[in-house]
C-alpha atoms as a PDB file:
ATOM      1  CA  MET A   1      -0.101   0.038  -0.017  1.00  0.00           C
ATOM      2  CA  LYS A   2       2.849   2.316   0.870  1.00  0.00           C
ATOM      3  CA  LYS A   3       4.774   1.755  -2.387  1.00  0.00           C
ATOM      4  CA  GLN A   4       1.489   2.377  -4.414  1.00  0.00           C
ATOM      5  CA  PHE A   5       0.971   5.596  -2.470  1.00  0.00           C
ATOM      6  CA  SER A   6       4.568   6.683  -3.499  1.00  0.00           C
ATOM      7  CA  ILE A   7       4.197   6.045  -7.016  1.00  0.00           C
ATOM      8  CA  LEU A   8       0.804   7.768  -7.248  1.00  0.00           C
ATOM      9  CA  LEU A   9       2.385  10.769  -5.447  1.00  0.00           C
ATOM     10  CA  ILE A  10       5.221  10.803  -7.865  1.00  0.00           C
ATOM     11  CA  VAL A  11       2.721  10.855 -10.716  1.00  0.00           C
ATOM     12  CA  ILE A  12       0.794  13.525  -9.404  1.00  0.00           C
ATOM     13  CA  ILE A  13       3.827  15.654  -8.951  1.00  0.00           C
ATOM     14  CA  MET A  14       5.262  14.849 -12.348  1.00  0.00           C
ATOM     15  CA  ILE A  15       2.073  15.505 -14.499  1.00  0.00           C
ATOM     16  CA  PRO A  16       2.025  19.385 -13.778  1.00  0.00           C
ATOM     17  CA  MET A  17       5.709  19.556 -14.289  1.00  0.00           C
ATOM     18  CA  LEU A  18       5.390  17.783 -17.593  1.00  0.00           C
ATOM     19  CA  SER A  19       2.624  19.940 -18.941  1.00  0.00           C
ATOM     20  CA  MET A  20       4.550  23.094 -17.996  1.00  0.00           C
ATOM     21  CA  PHE A  21       7.542  21.783 -19.833  1.00  0.00           C
ATOM     22  CA  THR A  22       5.326  21.126 -23.043  1.00  0.00           C
ATOM     23  CA  ALA A  23       3.492  24.350 -22.654  1.00  0.00           C
ATOM     24  CA  CYS A  24       6.640  26.224 -23.042  1.00  0.00           C
ATOM     25  CA  GLY A  25       7.460  24.402 -26.132  1.00  0.00           C
ATOM     26  CA  GLY A  26       9.750  21.716 -24.948  1.00  0.00           C
ATOM     27  CA  ASN A  27      12.469  22.593 -27.446  1.00  0.00           C
ATOM     28  CA  SER A  28      13.665  26.101 -27.007  1.00  0.00           C
ATOM     29  CA  GLN A  29      15.337  26.334 -30.597  1.00  0.00           C
ATOM     30  CA  GLN A  30      12.133  25.317 -32.125  1.00  0.00           C
ATOM     31  CA  VAL A  31      10.207  28.025 -30.159  1.00  0.00           C
ATOM     32  CA  HIS A  32      12.801  30.619 -31.031  1.00  0.00           C
ATOM     33  CA  ALA A  33      12.823  29.740 -34.640  1.00  0.00           C
ATOM     34  CA  GLN A  34       8.889  30.234 -34.624  1.00  0.00           C
ATOM     35  CA  THR A  35       8.874  33.596 -32.956  1.00  0.00           C
ATOM     36  CA  GLN A  36      11.858  35.198 -34.592  1.00  0.00           C
ATOM     37  CA  VAL A  37      10.258  38.190 -36.759  1.00  0.00           C
ATOM     38  CA  LYS A  38      12.080  40.134 -39.385  1.00  0.00           C
ATOM     39  CA  TRP A  39      10.960  43.600 -40.237  1.00  0.00           C
ATOM     40  CA  GLU A  40      11.315  46.287 -42.810  1.00  0.00           C
ATOM     41  CA  TYR A  41      11.414  50.134 -42.016  1.00  0.00           C
ATOM     42  CA  LYS A  42      10.307  53.217 -44.040  1.00  0.00           C
ATOM     43  CA  ILE A  43      10.962  56.824 -43.110  1.00  0.00           C
ATOM     44  CA  VAL A  44       8.155  58.966 -44.560  1.00  0.00           C
ATOM     45  CA  ASN A  45       8.207  62.769 -44.634  1.00  0.00           C
ATOM     46  CA  SER A  46       4.956  65.004 -44.449  1.00  0.00           C
ATOM     47  CA  VAL A  47       2.820  62.508 -43.069  1.00  0.00           C
ATOM     48  CA  ASN A  48      -0.969  63.209 -43.328  1.00  0.00           C
ATOM     49  CA  ALA A  49      -4.032  61.221 -42.395  1.00  0.00           C
ATOM     50  CA  ASP A  50      -4.533  60.078 -46.102  1.00  0.00           C
ATOM     51  CA  LYS A  51      -0.898  58.709 -46.155  1.00  0.00           C
ATOM     52  CA  LEU A  52      -1.203  57.233 -42.746  1.00  0.00           C
ATOM     53  CA  ASN A  53      -4.531  55.453 -43.760  1.00  0.00           C
ATOM     54  CA  LYS A  54      -2.786  54.186 -47.055  1.00  0.00           C
ATOM     55  CA  LEU A  55       0.373  52.951 -45.196  1.00  0.00           C
ATOM     56  CA  GLY A  56      -1.846  51.239 -42.574  1.00  0.00           C
ATOM     57  CA  ASN A  57      -3.704  49.263 -45.420  1.00  0.00           C
ATOM     58  CA  GLU A  58      -0.433  48.215 -46.693  1.00  0.00           C
ATOM     59  CA  GLY A  59       0.630  46.754 -43.511  1.00  0.00           C
ATOM     60  CA  TRP A  60       2.884  49.478 -42.079  1.00  0.00           C
ATOM     61  CA  GLU A  61       2.783  50.259 -38.376  1.00  0.00           C
ATOM     62  CA  LEU A  62       3.944  53.820 -36.963  1.00  0.00           C
ATOM     63  CA  VAL A  63       6.864  53.212 -34.793  1.00  0.00           C
ATOM     64  CA  ILE A  64       7.641  56.871 -33.989  1.00  0.00           C
ATOM     65  CA  GLY A  65       6.495  60.227 -35.156  1.00  0.00           C
ATOM     66  CA  ASP A  66       7.962  63.698 -34.872  1.00  0.00           C
ATOM     67  CA  ILE A  67       6.791  67.167 -35.548  1.00  0.00           C
ATOM     68  CA  ASP A  68       9.220  69.814 -36.761  1.00  0.00           C
ATOM     69  CA  GLY A  69       9.030  73.011 -38.399  1.00  0.00           C
ATOM     70  CA  ILE A  70       8.550  71.484 -41.842  1.00  0.00           C
ATOM     71  CA  GLY A  71       6.040  69.029 -40.940  1.00  0.00           C
ATOM     72  CA  VAL A  72       5.213  65.522 -39.546  1.00  0.00           C
ATOM     73  CA  GLN A  73       7.681  62.708 -39.943  1.00  0.00           C
ATOM     74  CA  GLY A  74       7.119  58.989 -39.268  1.00  0.00           C
ATOM     75  CA  VAL A  75       9.222  55.801 -38.972  1.00  0.00           C
ATOM     76  CA  PHE A  76       7.075  52.671 -40.042  1.00  0.00           C
ATOM     77  CA  LYS A  77       7.840  49.085 -39.784  1.00  0.00           C
ATOM     78  CA  ARG A  78       6.199  45.850 -41.166  1.00  0.00           C
ATOM     79  CA  LYS A  79       6.759  42.273 -41.022  1.00  0.00           C
ATOM     80  CA  LEU A  80       8.558  40.794 -44.006  1.00  0.00           C
ATOM     81  CA  PRO A  81       6.896  38.022 -45.787  1.00  0.00           C
END
């Protein structure tokens, strides 16, 4: 009886540990390869609402914007295919 209880206790402890390992991907190299994203960047001068909408529809995301004496400038990024 004591031996069966010990085995059951080990199984109960190991199941959550195993599920945590598999939830994290199990293989760190495989997880890293799946999450690595490549980006392309674009710097645009004289940004206005129409240009922002057009860039957004093309998949560009505004990273940073700046207003100077000439107008609004923006740096955009999007994922490479």
